């Protein structure tokens, strides 16, 4: 009986530690973690958490995707759940990011309250919201 109780106690302890470390806020997002509002817009937001990103324009729609942050580069792979043209249009018109499925950006500035992304001659500025 004592051996069973010890096994049970150790199992619960390991489960609690595993749960604690798996729920760390932000995960892989690092300094990108959080919600960023596009400068000059009251409706365009990008949020990053773990390896998931969400592009949000409350007037139109929101689109989810995966991202990777490597050095000064940001790679975003977006997904349209229903294959809607409106999702592609929202990303390309509201945010100006192209192409929809394979966005590659350079991170010019990333600190606690400012994010500046560039692609060729285009530049986007965001602030932490």
C-alpha atoms as a PDB file:
ATOM      1  CA  UNK A   1       0.000   0.000   0.000  1.00  0.00           C
ATOM      2  CA  UNK A   2       2.804   2.428   0.888  1.00  0.00           C
ATOM      3  CA  UNK A   3       4.564   1.665  -2.399  1.00  0.00           C
ATOM      4  CA  UNK A   4       1.341   2.440  -4.322  1.00  0.00           C
ATOM      5  CA  UNK A   5       0.925   5.753  -2.471  1.00  0.00           C
ATOM      6  CA  UNK A   6       4.538   6.761  -3.194  1.00  0.00           C
ATOM      7  CA  UNK A   7       4.085   5.925  -6.906  1.00  0.00           C
ATOM      8  CA  UNK A   8       0.857   7.956  -6.990  1.00  0.00           C
ATOM      9  CA  UNK A   9       2.460  10.950  -5.225  1.00  0.00           C
ATOM     10  CA  UNK A  10       5.470  10.978  -7.581  1.00  0.00           C
ATOM     11  CA  UNK A  11       3.186  10.678 -10.630  1.00  0.00           C
ATOM     12  CA  UNK A  12       1.060  13.634  -9.480  1.00  0.00           C
ATOM     13  CA  UNK A  13       4.171  15.707  -8.796  1.00  0.00           C
ATOM     14  CA  UNK A  14       5.615  15.004 -12.278  1.00  0.00           C
ATOM     15  CA  UNK A  15       2.265  15.788 -13.902  1.00  0.00           C
ATOM     16  CA  UNK A  16       2.083  19.130 -12.066  1.00  0.00           C
ATOM     17  CA  UNK A  17       5.636  20.087 -13.110  1.00  0.00           C
ATOM     18  CA  UNK A  18       4.968  19.077 -16.733  1.00  0.00           C
ATOM     19  CA  UNK A  19       1.769  21.120 -16.816  1.00  0.00           C
ATOM     20  CA  UNK A  20       3.538  24.158 -15.379  1.00  0.00           C
ATOM     21  CA  UNK A  21       6.324  24.121 -17.971  1.00  0.00           C
ATOM     22  CA  UNK A  22       4.019  23.403 -20.918  1.00  0.00           C
ATOM     23  CA  UNK A  23       1.834  26.427 -20.147  1.00  0.00           C
ATOM     24  CA  UNK A  24       4.535  29.092 -20.128  1.00  0.00           C
ATOM     25  CA  UNK A  25       3.151  32.311 -21.581  1.00  0.00           C
ATOM     26  CA  UNK A  26       4.261  33.187 -25.103  1.00  0.00           C
ATOM     27  CA  UNK A  27       6.171  30.011 -25.856  1.00  0.00           C
ATOM     28  CA  UNK A  28       8.189  30.339 -29.049  1.00  0.00           C
ATOM     29  CA  UNK A  29       6.914  33.845 -29.787  1.00  0.00           C
ATOM     30  CA  UNK A  30       9.628  35.489 -27.684  1.00  0.00           C
ATOM     31  CA  UNK A  31       9.646  39.278 -28.095  1.00  0.00           C
ATOM     32  CA  UNK A  32       6.817  39.056 -30.655  1.00  0.00           C
ATOM     33  CA  UNK A  33       4.401  37.735 -28.016  1.00  0.00           C
ATOM     34  CA  UNK A  34       1.252  39.818 -27.666  1.00  0.00           C
ATOM     35  CA  UNK A  35      -1.052  41.977 -29.740  1.00  0.00           C
ATOM     36  CA  UNK A  36       0.321  44.593 -32.122  1.00  0.00           C
ATOM     37  CA  UNK A  37      -1.756  47.405 -33.654  1.00  0.00           C
ATOM     38  CA  UNK A  38      -0.786  48.765 -37.060  1.00  0.00           C
ATOM     39  CA  UNK A  39       0.300  52.401 -36.814  1.00  0.00           C
ATOM     40  CA  UNK A  40      -2.284  54.686 -38.428  1.00  0.00           C
ATOM     41  CA  UNK A  41      -5.080  52.120 -38.180  1.00  0.00           C
ATOM     42  CA  UNK A  42      -7.680  51.558 -35.496  1.00  0.00           C
ATOM     43  CA  UNK A  43      -8.754  48.197 -36.889  1.00  0.00           C
ATOM     44  CA  UNK A  44      -5.686  46.194 -37.995  1.00  0.00           C
ATOM     45  CA  UNK A  45      -4.035  43.966 -35.394  1.00  0.00           C
ATOM     46  CA  UNK A  46      -1.561  41.100 -35.471  1.00  0.00           C
ATOM     47  CA  UNK A  47      -1.106  38.850 -32.470  1.00  0.00           C
ATOM     48  CA  UNK A  48       1.594  36.263 -31.783  1.00  0.00           C
ATOM     49  CA  UNK A  49       1.542  33.446 -29.249  1.00  0.00           C
ATOM     50  CA  UNK A  50       3.587  30.254 -29.282  1.00  0.00           C
ATOM     51  CA  UNK A  51       3.930  29.582 -33.002  1.00  0.00           C
ATOM     52  CA  UNK A  52       0.445  30.847 -33.905  1.00  0.00           C
ATOM     53  CA  UNK A  53      -0.371  34.240 -35.383  1.00  0.00           C
ATOM     54  CA  UNK A  54      -3.718  35.930 -35.947  1.00  0.00           C
ATOM     55  CA  UNK A  55      -4.354  38.788 -38.341  1.00  0.00           C
ATOM     56  CA  UNK A  56      -7.448  40.658 -37.225  1.00  0.00           C
ATOM     57  CA  UNK A  57      -9.554  43.375 -38.803  1.00  0.00           C
ATOM     58  CA  UNK A  58     -12.819  43.459 -36.813  1.00  0.00           C
ATOM     59  CA  UNK A  59     -14.625  45.172 -39.693  1.00  0.00           C
ATOM     60  CA  UNK A  60     -13.753  42.364 -42.100  1.00  0.00           C
ATOM     61  CA  UNK A  61     -12.457  39.104 -40.612  1.00  0.00           C
ATOM     62  CA  UNK A  62      -9.561  37.366 -38.901  1.00  0.00           C
ATOM     63  CA  UNK A  63      -7.096  34.855 -40.324  1.00  0.00           C
ATOM     64  CA  UNK A  64      -4.869  32.415 -38.434  1.00  0.00           C
ATOM     65  CA  UNK A  65      -1.502  31.017 -39.393  1.00  0.00           C
ATOM     66  CA  UNK A  66       1.852  29.762 -38.196  1.00  0.00           C
ATOM     67  CA  UNK A  67       5.018  31.798 -37.970  1.00  0.00           C
ATOM     68  CA  UNK A  68       8.733  31.357 -37.442  1.00  0.00           C
ATOM     69  CA  UNK A  69      11.011  34.079 -36.114  1.00  0.00           C
ATOM     70  CA  UNK A  70      14.607  33.477 -37.136  1.00  0.00           C
ATOM     71  CA  UNK A  71      17.185  36.193 -36.493  1.00  0.00           C
ATOM     72  CA  UNK A  72      15.895  39.285 -38.347  1.00  0.00           C
ATOM     73  CA  UNK A  73      13.397  37.328 -40.485  1.00  0.00           C
ATOM     74  CA  UNK A  74       9.728  36.520 -39.967  1.00  0.00           C
ATOM     75  CA  UNK A  75       8.117  33.725 -41.988  1.00  0.00           C
ATOM     76  CA  UNK A  76       4.313  33.509 -41.922  1.00  0.00           C
ATOM     77  CA  UNK A  77       2.159  30.738 -43.368  1.00  0.00           C
ATOM     78  CA  UNK A  78      -1.533  31.753 -43.318  1.00  0.00           C
ATOM     79  CA  UNK A  79      -4.516  29.442 -43.688  1.00  0.00           C
ATOM     80  CA  UNK A  80      -8.012  30.166 -44.906  1.00  0.00           C
ATOM     81  CA  UNK A  81     -10.313  27.762 -43.062  1.00  0.00           C
ATOM     82  CA  UNK A  82     -12.992  27.810 -45.755  1.00  0.00           C
ATOM     83  CA  UNK A  83     -10.779  28.879 -48.681  1.00  0.00           C
ATOM     84  CA  UNK A  84     -12.544  32.222 -48.821  1.00  0.00           C
ATOM     85  CA  UNK A  85     -11.307  34.880 -51.221  1.00  0.00           C
ATOM     86  CA  UNK A  86     -12.261  37.459 -48.563  1.00  0.00           C
ATOM     87  CA  UNK A  87      -9.478  36.116 -46.305  1.00  0.00           C
ATOM     88  CA  UNK A  88      -6.859  36.679 -48.994  1.00  0.00           C
ATOM     89  CA  UNK A  89      -8.325  40.092 -49.816  1.00  0.00           C
ATOM     90  CA  UNK A  90      -8.271  41.145 -46.150  1.00  0.00           C
ATOM     91  CA  UNK A  91      -4.569  40.251 -45.775  1.00  0.00           C
ATOM     92  CA  UNK A  92      -3.539  41.830 -49.060  1.00  0.00           C
ATOM     93  CA  UNK A  93      -5.664  44.996 -48.813  1.00  0.00           C
ATOM     94  CA  UNK A  94      -5.881  45.685 -45.073  1.00  0.00           C
ATOM     95  CA  UNK A  95      -2.312  44.719 -44.230  1.00  0.00           C
ATOM     96  CA  UNK A  96      -0.578  44.843 -47.612  1.00  0.00           C
ATOM     97  CA  UNK A  97       1.164  41.473 -47.108  1.00  0.00           C
ATOM     98  CA  UNK A  98       1.723  39.244 -50.153  1.00  0.00           C
ATOM     99  CA  UNK A  99       1.573  36.391 -51.030  1.00  0.00           C
ATOM    100  CA  UNK A 100      -1.134  35.038 -48.715  1.00  0.00           C
ATOM    101  CA  UNK A 101       0.367  31.572 -48.142  1.00  0.00           C
ATOM    102  CA  UNK A 102       4.062  32.437 -47.910  1.00  0.00           C
ATOM    103  CA  UNK A 103       4.806  35.812 -46.321  1.00  0.00           C
ATOM    104  CA  UNK A 104       8.492  36.570 -45.764  1.00  0.00           C
ATOM    105  CA  UNK A 105       9.362  39.764 -43.890  1.00  0.00           C
ATOM    106  CA  UNK A 106      12.453  41.378 -42.458  1.00  0.00           C
ATOM    107  CA  UNK A 107      12.251  42.589 -38.859  1.00  0.00           C
ATOM    108  CA  UNK A 108      13.824  46.031 -38.839  1.00  0.00           C
ATOM    109  CA  UNK A 109      12.873  46.910 -35.249  1.00  0.00           C
ATOM    110  CA  UNK A 110      11.554  44.749 -32.420  1.00  0.00           C
ATOM    111  CA  UNK A 111      11.432  45.944 -28.838  1.00  0.00           C
ATOM    112  CA  UNK A 112       8.925  46.094 -25.967  1.00  0.00           C
ATOM    113  CA  UNK A 113       6.586  48.526 -27.690  1.00  0.00           C
ATOM    114  CA  UNK A 114       7.538  48.778 -31.390  1.00  0.00           C
ATOM    115  CA  UNK A 115       7.663  46.384 -34.334  1.00  0.00           C
ATOM    116  CA  UNK A 116       8.771  47.469 -37.803  1.00  0.00           C
ATOM    117  CA  UNK A 117       8.554  44.985 -40.676  1.00  0.00           C
ATOM    118  CA  UNK A 118       9.856  45.445 -44.221  1.00  0.00           C
ATOM    119  CA  UNK A 119       9.513  43.598 -47.511  1.00  0.00           C
ATOM    120  CA  UNK A 120      11.288  44.960 -50.575  1.00  0.00           C
ATOM    121  CA  UNK A 121      10.403  48.694 -50.561  1.00  0.00           C
ATOM    122  CA  UNK A 122       7.373  48.371 -48.252  1.00  0.00           C
ATOM    123  CA  UNK A 123       7.464  49.132 -44.529  1.00  0.00           C
ATOM    124  CA  UNK A 124       4.886  48.411 -41.814  1.00  0.00           C
ATOM    125  CA  UNK A 125       4.992  49.804 -38.307  1.00  0.00           C
ATOM    126  CA  UNK A 126       3.136  48.368 -35.294  1.00  0.00           C
ATOM    127  CA  UNK A 127       2.954  49.227 -31.617  1.00  0.00           C
ATOM    128  CA  UNK A 128       2.188  46.949 -28.665  1.00  0.00           C
ATOM    129  CA  UNK A 129      -1.471  47.111 -27.762  1.00  0.00           C
END
